[in-house]
C-alpha atoms as a PDB file:
ATOM      1  CA  UNK A   1       0.000   0.000   0.000  1.00  0.00           C
ATOM      2  CA  UNK A   2       1.087   3.574  -0.512  1.00  0.00           C
ATOM      3  CA  UNK A   3       1.425   6.085   2.303  1.00  0.00           C
ATOM      4  CA  UNK A   4      -2.177   7.248   1.911  1.00  0.00           C
ATOM      5  CA  UNK A   5      -3.342   3.649   2.329  1.00  0.00           C
ATOM      6  CA  UNK A   6      -1.091   3.293   5.362  1.00  0.00           C
ATOM      7  CA  UNK A   7      -2.681   6.414   6.822  1.00  0.00           C
ATOM      8  CA  UNK A   8      -6.162   5.012   6.211  1.00  0.00           C
ATOM      9  CA  UNK A   9      -5.291   1.579   7.626  1.00  0.00           C
ATOM     10  CA  UNK A  10      -3.609   2.956  10.742  1.00  0.00           C
ATOM     11  CA  UNK A  11      -5.667   6.060  11.428  1.00  0.00           C
ATOM     12  CA  UNK A  12      -2.461   8.118  11.531  1.00  0.00           C
ATOM     13  CA  UNK A  13      -2.168  11.244   9.394  1.00  0.00           C
ATOM     14  CA  UNK A  14       0.266  11.203   6.467  1.00  0.00           C
ATOM     15  CA  UNK A  15       2.208  14.123   7.966  1.00  0.00           C
ATOM     16  CA  UNK A  16       2.619  12.201  11.228  1.00  0.00           C
ATOM     17  CA  UNK A  17       3.764   9.082   9.371  1.00  0.00           C
ATOM     18  CA  UNK A  18       6.378  11.164   7.557  1.00  0.00           C
ATOM     19  CA  UNK A  19       7.507  12.588  10.901  1.00  0.00           C
ATOM     20  CA  UNK A  20       7.876   9.080  12.355  1.00  0.00           C
ATOM     21  CA  UNK A  21       9.856   8.045   9.270  1.00  0.00           C
ATOM     22  CA  UNK A  22      12.195  11.052   9.634  1.00  0.00           C
ATOM     23  CA  UNK A  23      12.642  10.359  13.344  1.00  0.00           C
ATOM     24  CA  UNK A  24      13.435   6.700  12.698  1.00  0.00           C
ATOM     25  CA  UNK A  25      10.500   5.387  14.728  1.00  0.00           C
ATOM     26  CA  UNK A  26       8.972   3.764  11.646  1.00  0.00           C
ATOM     27  CA  UNK A  27      11.079   1.703   9.266  1.00  0.00           C
ATOM     28  CA  UNK A  28      11.044   2.848   5.631  1.00  0.00           C
ATOM     29  CA  UNK A  29       8.827   1.217   3.070  1.00  0.00           C
ATOM     30  CA  UNK A  30      10.091  -0.481  -0.066  1.00  0.00           C
ATOM     31  CA  UNK A  31      11.049   2.238  -2.539  1.00  0.00           C
ATOM     32  CA  UNK A  32       9.147   2.060  -5.812  1.00  0.00           C
ATOM     33  CA  UNK A  33      10.617   5.302  -7.169  1.00  0.00           C
ATOM     34  CA  UNK A  34      12.684   8.211  -5.926  1.00  0.00           C
ATOM     35  CA  UNK A  35       9.698   9.703  -4.099  1.00  0.00           C
ATOM     36  CA  UNK A  36       7.372   6.765  -3.438  1.00  0.00           C
ATOM     37  CA  UNK A  37       7.361   3.603  -1.363  1.00  0.00           C
ATOM     38  CA  UNK A  38       5.036   0.765  -0.492  1.00  0.00           C
ATOM     39  CA  UNK A  39       4.150  -0.251   3.037  1.00  0.00           C
ATOM     40  CA  UNK A  40       2.735  -3.423   4.559  1.00  0.00           C
ATOM     41  CA  UNK A  41       0.991  -4.669   7.682  1.00  0.00           C
ATOM     42  CA  UNK A  42       4.217  -4.474   9.687  1.00  0.00           C
ATOM     43  CA  UNK A  43       4.069  -0.703   9.246  1.00  0.00           C
ATOM     44  CA  UNK A  44       0.464  -0.616  10.446  1.00  0.00           C
ATOM     45  CA  UNK A  45       1.402  -2.635  13.561  1.00  0.00           C
ATOM     46  CA  UNK A  46       4.409  -0.417  14.239  1.00  0.00           C
ATOM     47  CA  UNK A  47       2.298   2.735  13.909  1.00  0.00           C
ATOM     48  CA  UNK A  48      -0.201   1.322  16.394  1.00  0.00           C
ATOM     49  CA  UNK A  49       2.624   0.627  18.832  1.00  0.00           C
ATOM     50  CA  UNK A  50       4.075   4.115  18.370  1.00  0.00           C
ATOM     51  CA  UNK A  51       0.663   5.690  18.914  1.00  0.00           C
ATOM     52  CA  UNK A  52       0.084   3.588  22.029  1.00  0.00           C
ATOM     53  CA  UNK A  53       3.430   4.656  23.472  1.00  0.00           C
ATOM     54  CA  UNK A  54       3.084   8.344  22.643  1.00  0.00           C
ATOM     55  CA  UNK A  55      -0.657   8.562  23.288  1.00  0.00           C
ATOM     56  CA  UNK A  56      -2.131   6.771  26.318  1.00  0.00           C
ATOM     57  CA  UNK A  57       1.244   5.926  27.855  1.00  0.00           C
ATOM     58  CA  UNK A  58       2.382   9.510  27.341  1.00  0.00           C
ATOM     59  CA  UNK A  59       5.968   8.911  26.264  1.00  0.00           C
ATOM     60  CA  UNK A  60       7.983  11.543  24.461  1.00  0.00           C
ATOM     61  CA  UNK A  61       9.348  10.722  21.021  1.00  0.00           C
ATOM     62  CA  UNK A  62      12.767  10.094  22.581  1.00  0.00           C
ATOM     63  CA  UNK A  63      11.315   7.760  25.226  1.00  0.00           C
ATOM     64  CA  UNK A  64       9.306   5.920  22.561  1.00  0.00           C
ATOM     65  CA  UNK A  65      12.482   5.576  20.477  1.00  0.00           C
ATOM     66  CA  UNK A  66      14.238   3.986  23.459  1.00  0.00           C
ATOM     67  CA  UNK A  67      11.429   1.469  23.947  1.00  0.00           C
ATOM     68  CA  UNK A  68      11.231   0.706  20.220  1.00  0.00           C
ATOM     69  CA  UNK A  69      14.989   0.158  20.054  1.00  0.00           C
ATOM     70  CA  UNK A  70      14.692  -2.383  22.853  1.00  0.00           C
ATOM     71  CA  UNK A  71      11.758  -4.060  21.113  1.00  0.00           C
ATOM     72  CA  UNK A  72      13.732  -4.261  17.875  1.00  0.00           C
ATOM     73  CA  UNK A  73      16.920  -5.592  19.469  1.00  0.00           C
ATOM     74  CA  UNK A  74      16.528  -6.761  23.063  1.00  0.00           C
ATOM     75  CA  UNK A  75      20.088  -8.092  23.200  1.00  0.00           C
ATOM     76  CA  UNK A  76      21.243 -11.183  25.025  1.00  0.00           C
ATOM     77  CA  UNK A  77      19.874 -10.262  28.434  1.00  0.00           C
ATOM     78  CA  UNK A  78      16.102  -9.949  28.171  1.00  0.00           C
ATOM     79  CA  UNK A  79      15.723  -8.983  31.833  1.00  0.00           C
ATOM     80  CA  UNK A  80      18.205  -6.131  31.517  1.00  0.00           C
ATOM     81  CA  UNK A  81      16.397  -4.945  28.386  1.00  0.00           C
ATOM     82  CA  UNK A  82      13.065  -5.017  30.202  1.00  0.00           C
ATOM     83  CA  UNK A  83      14.634  -3.071  33.056  1.00  0.00           C
ATOM     84  CA  UNK A  84      15.845  -0.407  30.636  1.00  0.00           C
ATOM     85  CA  UNK A  85      12.402  -0.289  29.027  1.00  0.00           C
ATOM     86  CA  UNK A  86      10.698   0.185  32.381  1.00  0.00           C
ATOM     87  CA  UNK A  87      13.267   2.833  33.270  1.00  0.00           C
ATOM     88  CA  UNK A  88      12.306   4.761  30.129  1.00  0.00           C
ATOM     89  CA  UNK A  89       8.677   4.964  31.225  1.00  0.00           C
ATOM     90  CA  UNK A  90       7.415   8.070  32.984  1.00  0.00           C
ATOM     91  CA  UNK A  91       6.649   7.762  36.704  1.00  0.00           C
ATOM     92  CA  UNK A  92       3.257   6.331  37.531  1.00  0.00           C
ATOM     93  CA  UNK A  93       0.636   8.786  38.679  1.00  0.00           C
ATOM     94  CA  UNK A  94      -2.100   8.104  41.171  1.00  0.00           C
ATOM     95  CA  UNK A  95      -5.574   7.770  39.664  1.00  0.00           C
ATOM     96  CA  UNK A  96      -7.919  10.685  40.176  1.00  0.00           C
ATOM     97  CA  UNK A  97     -10.378  10.145  43.042  1.00  0.00           C
END
């Protein structure tokens, strides 16, 4: 699918997708020409993860990048990677009464 189809499938605006591509949060699509690319379901899933991290969880782009890096390459020590991921999360807040 092209970027407009990716936007429709994910519910994320084209401008936001381009921002995520520039920031390295979303992996590039397969280039079909100098200015166009195709995207697949892995891009839709990644966009949903990015939106979950930056939306309800409330992470900054930098914090989301840290989490996504750990998701992409957890390394040999999964527990240490999980610890770093938890450390990148903002402090928990008490629910409103």
